[in-house]
């Protein structure tokens, strides 16, 4: 009898867990394309822009986080460099999420203890515009704040691709950016952007489809010294005709070095 009761209890817990997981996924799918202001979260009821969120909180003790957009779950368990809505379950996976225009809020909760508010990020949305909201700061218990970029996602010329770069590394300072074939000689390469400061944006290079390597060096590094001065490298970046990608330069997860870079898909 005891064994039967134990098996029944175990089955009940499994069923409850599956039901909770299903409800969570459904909630996230619904949240992928709107806010609670819309009559239907999948179809904003008025003028809308688009938004995505990137976690650059340099405090391992507060990561990962859950992101809540206008009271609706927008992303869960987002570690350092994690982004949403691209991380949402299929079929709602997208590069950006439509959201009604006007002042909006992303509330960040610690995933391991959702009673802990990590940050409250405000952003103003203008219809027909795209935005990336970065959660920044947090090193040594510091405040978490927002930095928002307005993303120009105009398609490149026919047969071309586009790679833009955003410097989100306080430690890096200004950098020179190179987009080359793999292991190309930086001494003879021409930077696509020079002296790209922290929180500055390189609007993008128009490139032929192919595979590229993106490297940065401190601004003004002499050509002969570039190879030894590389502070971020992103290899095997494949772009097809019509693709748009954004490279993010960032600090280490707890702030400072070693620096890193990672890729977001724009279109």
C-alpha atoms as a PDB file:
ATOM      1  CA  UNK A   1       0.000   0.000   0.000  1.00  0.00           C
ATOM      2  CA  UNK A   2       2.801   2.411   0.973  1.00  0.00           C
ATOM      3  CA  UNK A   3       4.584   1.746  -2.316  1.00  0.00           C
ATOM      4  CA  UNK A   4       1.392   2.430  -4.280  1.00  0.00           C
ATOM      5  CA  UNK A   5       0.839   5.729  -2.466  1.00  0.00           C
ATOM      6  CA  UNK A   6       4.465   6.726  -3.056  1.00  0.00           C
ATOM      7  CA  UNK A   7       4.177   6.012  -6.793  1.00  0.00           C
ATOM      8  CA  UNK A   8       0.926   7.959  -6.989  1.00  0.00           C
ATOM      9  CA  UNK A   9       2.437  10.937  -5.211  1.00  0.00           C
ATOM     10  CA  UNK A  10       5.463  10.841  -7.503  1.00  0.00           C
ATOM     11  CA  UNK A  11       3.218  10.749 -10.580  1.00  0.00           C
ATOM     12  CA  UNK A  12       1.180  13.660  -9.233  1.00  0.00           C
ATOM     13  CA  UNK A  13       4.317  15.741  -8.751  1.00  0.00           C
ATOM     14  CA  UNK A  14       5.529  14.955 -12.256  1.00  0.00           C
ATOM     15  CA  UNK A  15       2.160  15.864 -13.748  1.00  0.00           C
ATOM     16  CA  UNK A  16       2.038  19.120 -11.788  1.00  0.00           C
ATOM     17  CA  UNK A  17       5.569  19.980 -12.894  1.00  0.00           C
ATOM     18  CA  UNK A  18       4.745  19.360 -16.532  1.00  0.00           C
ATOM     19  CA  UNK A  19       1.576  21.431 -16.229  1.00  0.00           C
ATOM     20  CA  UNK A  20       3.537  24.326 -14.683  1.00  0.00           C
ATOM     21  CA  UNK A  21       6.197  24.134 -17.403  1.00  0.00           C
ATOM     22  CA  UNK A  22       3.503  24.168 -20.083  1.00  0.00           C
ATOM     23  CA  UNK A  23       1.797  27.190 -18.536  1.00  0.00           C
ATOM     24  CA  UNK A  24       5.144  29.009 -18.337  1.00  0.00           C
ATOM     25  CA  UNK A  25       5.920  28.363 -21.998  1.00  0.00           C
ATOM     26  CA  UNK A  26       2.435  29.468 -23.063  1.00  0.00           C
ATOM     27  CA  UNK A  27       2.840  32.687 -21.073  1.00  0.00           C
ATOM     28  CA  UNK A  28       6.208  33.389 -22.675  1.00  0.00           C
ATOM     29  CA  UNK A  29       4.919  32.682 -26.180  1.00  0.00           C
ATOM     30  CA  UNK A  30       2.068  35.087 -25.600  1.00  0.00           C
ATOM     31  CA  UNK A  31       4.475  37.701 -24.274  1.00  0.00           C
ATOM     32  CA  UNK A  32       6.806  37.476 -27.235  1.00  0.00           C
ATOM     33  CA  UNK A  33       4.861  39.929 -29.338  1.00  0.00           C
ATOM     34  CA  UNK A  34       3.179  42.521 -27.126  1.00  0.00           C
ATOM     35  CA  UNK A  35       2.264  43.971 -23.769  1.00  0.00           C
ATOM     36  CA  UNK A  36      -0.616  43.931 -21.365  1.00  0.00           C
ATOM     37  CA  UNK A  37      -1.794  47.237 -22.889  1.00  0.00           C
ATOM     38  CA  UNK A  38      -2.856  45.369 -26.037  1.00  0.00           C
ATOM     39  CA  UNK A  39      -6.278  43.776 -26.375  1.00  0.00           C
ATOM     40  CA  UNK A  40      -4.410  40.723 -27.642  1.00  0.00           C
ATOM     41  CA  UNK A  41      -0.777  40.357 -26.477  1.00  0.00           C
ATOM     42  CA  UNK A  42       0.077  38.896 -29.893  1.00  0.00           C
ATOM     43  CA  UNK A  43      -1.359  41.933 -31.693  1.00  0.00           C
ATOM     44  CA  UNK A  44      -0.657  45.375 -30.196  1.00  0.00           C
ATOM     45  CA  UNK A  45      -3.828  47.417 -30.537  1.00  0.00           C
ATOM     46  CA  UNK A  46      -2.217  50.702 -31.542  1.00  0.00           C
ATOM     47  CA  UNK A  47       0.932  52.195 -33.067  1.00  0.00           C
ATOM     48  CA  UNK A  48       3.888  49.955 -32.223  1.00  0.00           C
ATOM     49  CA  UNK A  49       7.630  49.820 -32.327  1.00  0.00           C
ATOM     50  CA  UNK A  50       9.843  46.809 -31.691  1.00  0.00           C
ATOM     51  CA  UNK A  51      12.108  45.986 -28.764  1.00  0.00           C
ATOM     52  CA  UNK A  52      14.702  43.475 -27.602  1.00  0.00           C
ATOM     53  CA  UNK A  53      16.539  43.143 -24.299  1.00  0.00           C
ATOM     54  CA  UNK A  54      20.159  42.196 -23.548  1.00  0.00           C
ATOM     55  CA  UNK A  55      21.517  41.363 -20.089  1.00  0.00           C
ATOM     56  CA  UNK A  56      24.903  43.004 -19.466  1.00  0.00           C
ATOM     57  CA  UNK A  57      24.657  43.062 -15.660  1.00  0.00           C
ATOM     58  CA  UNK A  58      28.189  42.591 -14.329  1.00  0.00           C
ATOM     59  CA  UNK A  59      27.179  41.025 -11.018  1.00  0.00           C
ATOM     60  CA  UNK A  60      27.212  37.207 -11.009  1.00  0.00           C
ATOM     61  CA  UNK A  61      25.337  37.273  -7.677  1.00  0.00           C
ATOM     62  CA  UNK A  62      22.273  38.825  -9.326  1.00  0.00           C
ATOM     63  CA  UNK A  63      22.367  36.807 -12.536  1.00  0.00           C
ATOM     64  CA  UNK A  64      20.515  35.205 -14.184  1.00  0.00           C
ATOM     65  CA  UNK A  65      17.393  37.365 -14.395  1.00  0.00           C
ATOM     66  CA  UNK A  66      13.800  37.181 -15.563  1.00  0.00           C
ATOM     67  CA  UNK A  67      12.624  40.103 -17.689  1.00  0.00           C
ATOM     68  CA  UNK A  68       9.044  41.336 -17.374  1.00  0.00           C
ATOM     69  CA  UNK A  69       7.824  43.757 -20.048  1.00  0.00           C
ATOM     70  CA  UNK A  70       4.833  45.843 -18.963  1.00  0.00           C
ATOM     71  CA  UNK A  71       3.780  43.191 -16.466  1.00  0.00           C
ATOM     72  CA  UNK A  72       4.090  40.332 -18.964  1.00  0.00           C
ATOM     73  CA  UNK A  73       6.917  37.715 -18.762  1.00  0.00           C
ATOM     74  CA  UNK A  74       9.350  38.533 -21.567  1.00  0.00           C
ATOM     75  CA  UNK A  75      12.318  36.253 -20.871  1.00  0.00           C
ATOM     76  CA  UNK A  76      13.473  33.834 -18.173  1.00  0.00           C
ATOM     77  CA  UNK A  77      16.845  32.678 -16.849  1.00  0.00           C
ATOM     78  CA  UNK A  78      18.794  35.230 -18.878  1.00  0.00           C
ATOM     79  CA  UNK A  79      22.456  34.956 -17.990  1.00  0.00           C
ATOM     80  CA  UNK A  80      25.158  37.448 -18.832  1.00  0.00           C
ATOM     81  CA  UNK A  81      24.886  38.401 -22.548  1.00  0.00           C
ATOM     82  CA  UNK A  82      21.508  36.609 -22.703  1.00  0.00           C
ATOM     83  CA  UNK A  83      18.854  38.268 -24.856  1.00  0.00           C
ATOM     84  CA  UNK A  84      15.138  38.106 -25.517  1.00  0.00           C
ATOM     85  CA  UNK A  85      12.803  37.625 -27.415  1.00  0.00           C
ATOM     86  CA  UNK A  86      15.294  35.559 -29.443  1.00  0.00           C
ATOM     87  CA  UNK A  87      15.524  33.089 -26.534  1.00  0.00           C
ATOM     88  CA  UNK A  88      11.774  32.474 -26.298  1.00  0.00           C
ATOM     89  CA  UNK A  89      10.417  29.056 -27.269  1.00  0.00           C
ATOM     90  CA  UNK A  90       9.442  28.401 -30.884  1.00  0.00           C
ATOM     91  CA  UNK A  91       7.262  29.313 -32.697  1.00  0.00           C
ATOM     92  CA  UNK A  92       7.462  32.771 -31.098  1.00  0.00           C
ATOM     93  CA  UNK A  93      11.227  33.099 -31.418  1.00  0.00           C
ATOM     94  CA  UNK A  94      11.945  36.471 -33.030  1.00  0.00           C
ATOM     95  CA  UNK A  95      14.701  39.050 -33.157  1.00  0.00           C
ATOM     96  CA  UNK A  96      12.459  41.820 -31.796  1.00  0.00           C
ATOM     97  CA  UNK A  97       9.038  41.976 -30.174  1.00  0.00           C
ATOM     98  CA  UNK A  98       6.299  44.440 -31.171  1.00  0.00           C
ATOM     99  CA  UNK A  99       5.311  46.733 -28.319  1.00  0.00           C
ATOM    100  CA  UNK A 100       2.892  49.654 -28.132  1.00  0.00           C
ATOM    101  CA  UNK A 101       4.480  53.071 -28.416  1.00  0.00           C
ATOM    102  CA  UNK A 102       4.908  55.347 -25.423  1.00  0.00           C
ATOM    103  CA  UNK A 103       6.760  54.968 -22.113  1.00  0.00           C
ATOM    104  CA  UNK A 104       7.431  51.311 -21.277  1.00  0.00           C
ATOM    105  CA  UNK A 105       9.103  49.450 -18.419  1.00  0.00           C
ATOM    106  CA  UNK A 106      11.155  46.268 -18.189  1.00  0.00           C
ATOM    107  CA  UNK A 107      11.291  44.876 -14.660  1.00  0.00           C
ATOM    108  CA  UNK A 108      14.164  42.522 -13.862  1.00  0.00           C
ATOM    109  CA  UNK A 109      13.826  39.834 -11.179  1.00  0.00           C
ATOM    110  CA  UNK A 110      16.516  37.480  -9.957  1.00  0.00           C
ATOM    111  CA  UNK A 111      15.684  34.067 -11.407  1.00  0.00           C
ATOM    112  CA  UNK A 112      16.746  32.175  -8.271  1.00  0.00           C
ATOM    113  CA  UNK A 113      14.641  34.417  -6.017  1.00  0.00           C
ATOM    114  CA  UNK A 114      11.938  36.385  -7.812  1.00  0.00           C
ATOM    115  CA  UNK A 115      11.233  38.446  -4.698  1.00  0.00           C
ATOM    116  CA  UNK A 116      14.498  40.268  -5.509  1.00  0.00           C
ATOM    117  CA  UNK A 117      14.155  43.144  -7.971  1.00  0.00           C
ATOM    118  CA  UNK A 118      17.426  43.563  -9.822  1.00  0.00           C
ATOM    119  CA  UNK A 119      16.472  46.632 -11.817  1.00  0.00           C
ATOM    120  CA  UNK A 120      13.663  48.669 -13.348  1.00  0.00           C
ATOM    121  CA  UNK A 121      14.449  49.857 -16.863  1.00  0.00           C
ATOM    122  CA  UNK A 122      12.463  52.601 -18.580  1.00  0.00           C
ATOM    123  CA  UNK A 123      12.314  53.055 -22.348  1.00  0.00           C
ATOM    124  CA  UNK A 124      10.189  55.261 -24.581  1.00  0.00           C
ATOM    125  CA  UNK A 125       8.972  53.601 -27.769  1.00  0.00           C
ATOM    126  CA  UNK A 126       8.186  55.511 -30.945  1.00  0.00           C
ATOM    127  CA  UNK A 127       6.029  53.756 -33.534  1.00  0.00           C
ATOM    128  CA  UNK A 128       7.837  52.053 -36.423  1.00  0.00           C
ATOM    129  CA  UNK A 129      11.227  52.153 -34.676  1.00  0.00           C
ATOM    130  CA  UNK A 130      13.409  49.351 -33.307  1.00  0.00           C
ATOM    131  CA  UNK A 131      15.258  49.435 -29.976  1.00  0.00           C
ATOM    132  CA  UNK A 132      17.755  47.363 -28.004  1.00  0.00           C
ATOM    133  CA  UNK A 133      17.571  47.840 -24.239  1.00  0.00           C
ATOM    134  CA  UNK A 134      20.744  46.858 -22.380  1.00  0.00           C
ATOM    135  CA  UNK A 135      20.755  46.243 -18.626  1.00  0.00           C
ATOM    136  CA  UNK A 136      24.140  47.598 -17.555  1.00  0.00           C
ATOM    137  CA  UNK A 137      26.136  48.081 -14.360  1.00  0.00           C
ATOM    138  CA  UNK A 138      25.998  45.977 -11.227  1.00  0.00           C
ATOM    139  CA  UNK A 139      29.732  45.540 -10.626  1.00  0.00           C
ATOM    140  CA  UNK A 140      30.506  45.223  -6.898  1.00  0.00           C
ATOM    141  CA  UNK A 141      26.823  45.659  -6.042  1.00  0.00           C
ATOM    142  CA  UNK A 142      26.377  48.828  -8.085  1.00  0.00           C
ATOM    143  CA  UNK A 143      23.072  49.999  -9.518  1.00  0.00           C
ATOM    144  CA  UNK A 144      21.628  48.358 -12.623  1.00  0.00           C
ATOM    145  CA  UNK A 145      20.555  50.894 -15.243  1.00  0.00           C
ATOM    146  CA  UNK A 146      19.361  50.943 -18.842  1.00  0.00           C
ATOM    147  CA  UNK A 147      21.140  51.974 -22.003  1.00  0.00           C
ATOM    148  CA  UNK A 148      18.958  51.983 -25.101  1.00  0.00           C
ATOM    149  CA  UNK A 149      20.002  52.095 -28.735  1.00  0.00           C
ATOM    150  CA  UNK A 150      17.759  53.060 -31.607  1.00  0.00           C
ATOM    151  CA  UNK A 151      18.383  50.371 -34.219  1.00  0.00           C
ATOM    152  CA  UNK A 152      18.206  51.291 -37.892  1.00  0.00           C
ATOM    153  CA  UNK A 153      17.315  48.012 -39.566  1.00  0.00           C
ATOM    154  CA  UNK A 154      17.111  49.107 -43.173  1.00  0.00           C
ATOM    155  CA  UNK A 155      17.915  46.199 -45.461  1.00  0.00           C
ATOM    156  CA  UNK A 156      21.326  46.372 -47.155  1.00  0.00           C
ATOM    157  CA  UNK A 157      21.709  46.790 -50.889  1.00  0.00           C
ATOM    158  CA  UNK A 158      20.741  43.809 -53.025  1.00  0.00           C
ATOM    159  CA  UNK A 159      23.233  40.978 -52.699  1.00  0.00           C
ATOM    160  CA  UNK A 160      24.906  42.533 -49.636  1.00  0.00           C
ATOM    161  CA  UNK A 161      24.920  41.920 -45.874  1.00  0.00           C
ATOM    162  CA  UNK A 162      25.423  44.336 -42.977  1.00  0.00           C
ATOM    163  CA  UNK A 163      27.424  44.102 -39.752  1.00  0.00           C
ATOM    164  CA  UNK A 164      27.149  46.878 -37.152  1.00  0.00           C
ATOM    165  CA  UNK A 165      29.093  47.179 -33.891  1.00  0.00           C
ATOM    166  CA  UNK A 166      28.110  48.540 -30.470  1.00  0.00           C
ATOM    167  CA  UNK A 167      30.827  49.107 -27.864  1.00  0.00           C
ATOM    168  CA  UNK A 168      29.286  48.260 -24.474  1.00  0.00           C
ATOM    169  CA  UNK A 169      32.596  47.714 -22.658  1.00  0.00           C
ATOM    170  CA  UNK A 170      33.589  50.402 -20.122  1.00  0.00           C
ATOM    171  CA  UNK A 171      36.920  48.627 -19.695  1.00  0.00           C
ATOM    172  CA  UNK A 172      37.780  48.645 -23.401  1.00  0.00           C
ATOM    173  CA  UNK A 173      37.535  52.393 -23.808  1.00  0.00           C
ATOM    174  CA  UNK A 174      37.703  53.495 -27.429  1.00  0.00           C
ATOM    175  CA  UNK A 175      38.585  50.791 -29.956  1.00  0.00           C
ATOM    176  CA  UNK A 176      39.389  50.392 -33.627  1.00  0.00           C
ATOM    177  CA  UNK A 177      37.240  47.730 -35.315  1.00  0.00           C
ATOM    178  CA  UNK A 178      38.352  45.365 -38.072  1.00  0.00           C
ATOM    179  CA  UNK A 179      36.068  43.100 -40.120  1.00  0.00           C
ATOM    180  CA  UNK A 180      38.236  40.784 -42.175  1.00  0.00           C
ATOM    181  CA  UNK A 181      38.655  37.291 -43.512  1.00  0.00           C
ATOM    182  CA  UNK A 182      39.845  34.822 -40.888  1.00  0.00           C
ATOM    183  CA  UNK A 183      43.307  35.638 -39.549  1.00  0.00           C
ATOM    184  CA  UNK A 184      43.905  38.427 -42.067  1.00  0.00           C
ATOM    185  CA  UNK A 185      46.975  40.517 -41.367  1.00  0.00           C
ATOM    186  CA  UNK A 186      45.839  43.423 -39.193  1.00  0.00           C
ATOM    187  CA  UNK A 187      49.014  45.368 -39.990  1.00  0.00           C
ATOM    188  CA  UNK A 188      47.731  45.946 -43.505  1.00  0.00           C
ATOM    189  CA  UNK A 189      43.985  45.927 -42.772  1.00  0.00           C
ATOM    190  CA  UNK A 190      41.809  49.034 -42.764  1.00  0.00           C
ATOM    191  CA  UNK A 191      39.513  49.481 -39.753  1.00  0.00           C
ATOM    192  CA  UNK A 192      35.812  49.856 -40.491  1.00  0.00           C
ATOM    193  CA  UNK A 193      35.521  52.087 -37.427  1.00  0.00           C
ATOM    194  CA  UNK A 194      38.131  54.054 -35.494  1.00  0.00           C
ATOM    195  CA  UNK A 195      38.019  55.316 -31.913  1.00  0.00           C
ATOM    196  CA  UNK A 196      34.633  53.689 -31.254  1.00  0.00           C
ATOM    197  CA  UNK A 197      33.972  54.834 -27.691  1.00  0.00           C
ATOM    198  CA  UNK A 198      32.078  53.066 -24.924  1.00  0.00           C
ATOM    199  CA  UNK A 199      28.328  53.225 -25.672  1.00  0.00           C
ATOM    200  CA  UNK A 200      29.039  54.340 -29.233  1.00  0.00           C
ATOM    201  CA  UNK A 201      27.586  52.653 -32.309  1.00  0.00           C
ATOM    202  CA  UNK A 202      29.191  51.885 -35.648  1.00  0.00           C
ATOM    203  CA  UNK A 203      26.170  52.005 -37.939  1.00  0.00           C
ATOM    204  CA  UNK A 204      27.385  49.185 -40.123  1.00  0.00           C
ATOM    205  CA  UNK A 205      29.577  47.964 -42.942  1.00  0.00           C
ATOM    206  CA  UNK A 206      28.029  46.708 -46.165  1.00  0.00           C
ATOM    207  CA  UNK A 207      29.685  43.406 -47.024  1.00  0.00           C
ATOM    208  CA  UNK A 208      29.540  40.640 -49.572  1.00  0.00           C
ATOM    209  CA  UNK A 209      28.026  37.397 -48.240  1.00  0.00           C
ATOM    210  CA  UNK A 210      30.671  35.283 -46.570  1.00  0.00           C
ATOM    211  CA  UNK A 211      32.451  34.358 -43.342  1.00  0.00           C
ATOM    212  CA  UNK A 212      34.169  37.077 -41.347  1.00  0.00           C
ATOM    213  CA  UNK A 213      36.277  37.655 -38.284  1.00  0.00           C
ATOM    214  CA  UNK A 214      35.640  40.775 -36.170  1.00  0.00           C
ATOM    215  CA  UNK A 215      38.523  42.008 -34.032  1.00  0.00           C
ATOM    216  CA  UNK A 216      39.132  45.129 -31.967  1.00  0.00           C
ATOM    217  CA  UNK A 217      42.266  46.823 -30.681  1.00  0.00           C
ATOM    218  CA  UNK A 218      42.731  49.897 -28.477  1.00  0.00           C
ATOM    219  CA  UNK A 219      42.123  53.028 -30.542  1.00  0.00           C
ATOM    220  CA  UNK A 220      45.192  54.312 -32.321  1.00  0.00           C
ATOM    221  CA  UNK A 221      47.242  51.130 -32.000  1.00  0.00           C
ATOM    222  CA  UNK A 222      50.084  51.232 -34.528  1.00  0.00           C
ATOM    223  CA  UNK A 223      49.623  48.813 -37.455  1.00  0.00           C
ATOM    224  CA  UNK A 224      52.634  46.681 -36.552  1.00  0.00           C
ATOM    225  CA  UNK A 225      51.377  46.304 -32.965  1.00  0.00           C
ATOM    226  CA  UNK A 226      47.757  45.430 -33.734  1.00  0.00           C
ATOM    227  CA  UNK A 227      48.104  41.626 -33.764  1.00  0.00           C
ATOM    228  CA  UNK A 228      49.489  41.617 -30.220  1.00  0.00           C
ATOM    229  CA  UNK A 229      46.962  44.195 -28.987  1.00  0.00           C
ATOM    230  CA  UNK A 230      43.717  42.451 -30.013  1.00  0.00           C
ATOM    231  CA  UNK A 231      41.295  42.678 -27.078  1.00  0.00           C
ATOM    232  CA  UNK A 232      38.208  40.997 -28.604  1.00  0.00           C
ATOM    233  CA  UNK A 233      37.816  38.450 -31.370  1.00  0.00           C
ATOM    234  CA  UNK A 234      34.647  37.023 -32.872  1.00  0.00           C
ATOM    235  CA  UNK A 235      35.339  34.357 -35.475  1.00  0.00           C
ATOM    236  CA  UNK A 236      33.266  32.466 -38.026  1.00  0.00           C
ATOM    237  CA  UNK A 237      30.597  35.132 -38.410  1.00  0.00           C
ATOM    238  CA  UNK A 238      28.594  33.904 -41.390  1.00  0.00           C
ATOM    239  CA  UNK A 239      26.336  36.358 -43.224  1.00  0.00           C
ATOM    240  CA  UNK A 240      24.179  35.669 -46.251  1.00  0.00           C
ATOM    241  CA  UNK A 241      22.789  38.241 -48.641  1.00  0.00           C
ATOM    242  CA  UNK A 242      20.144  40.299 -46.876  1.00  0.00           C
ATOM    243  CA  UNK A 243      21.427  39.460 -43.369  1.00  0.00           C
ATOM    244  CA  UNK A 244      21.879  42.089 -40.669  1.00  0.00           C
ATOM    245  CA  UNK A 245      23.974  41.375 -37.574  1.00  0.00           C
ATOM    246  CA  UNK A 246      25.130  43.408 -34.560  1.00  0.00           C
ATOM    247  CA  UNK A 247      28.388  42.685 -32.739  1.00  0.00           C
ATOM    248  CA  UNK A 248      28.399  43.693 -29.061  1.00  0.00           C
ATOM    249  CA  UNK A 249      31.702  44.388 -27.287  1.00  0.00           C
ATOM    250  CA  UNK A 250      31.377  43.736 -23.547  1.00  0.00           C
ATOM    251  CA  UNK A 251      33.267  43.327 -20.281  1.00  0.00           C
ATOM    252  CA  UNK A 252      33.738  40.035 -18.424  1.00  0.00           C
ATOM    253  CA  UNK A 253      30.722  38.747 -16.426  1.00  0.00           C
ATOM    254  CA  UNK A 254      31.978  40.430 -13.234  1.00  0.00           C
ATOM    255  CA  UNK A 255      33.230  43.521 -15.042  1.00  0.00           C
ATOM    256  CA  UNK A 256      36.696  44.313 -16.306  1.00  0.00           C
ATOM    257  CA  UNK A 257      38.823  41.994 -18.436  1.00  0.00           C
ATOM    258  CA  UNK A 258      38.996  39.685 -20.258  1.00  0.00           C
ATOM    259  CA  UNK A 259      36.765  41.451 -22.755  1.00  0.00           C
ATOM    260  CA  UNK A 260      34.392  39.547 -25.005  1.00  0.00           C
ATOM    261  CA  UNK A 261      32.191  40.073 -28.026  1.00  0.00           C
ATOM    262  CA  UNK A 262      29.012  38.348 -29.116  1.00  0.00           C
ATOM    263  CA  UNK A 263      26.504  38.465 -31.948  1.00  0.00           C
ATOM    264  CA  UNK A 264      22.853  39.511 -32.231  1.00  0.00           C
ATOM    265  CA  UNK A 265      20.681  38.855 -35.251  1.00  0.00           C
ATOM    266  CA  UNK A 266      18.903  41.947 -36.569  1.00  0.00           C
ATOM    267  CA  UNK A 267      17.233  40.434 -39.633  1.00  0.00           C
END
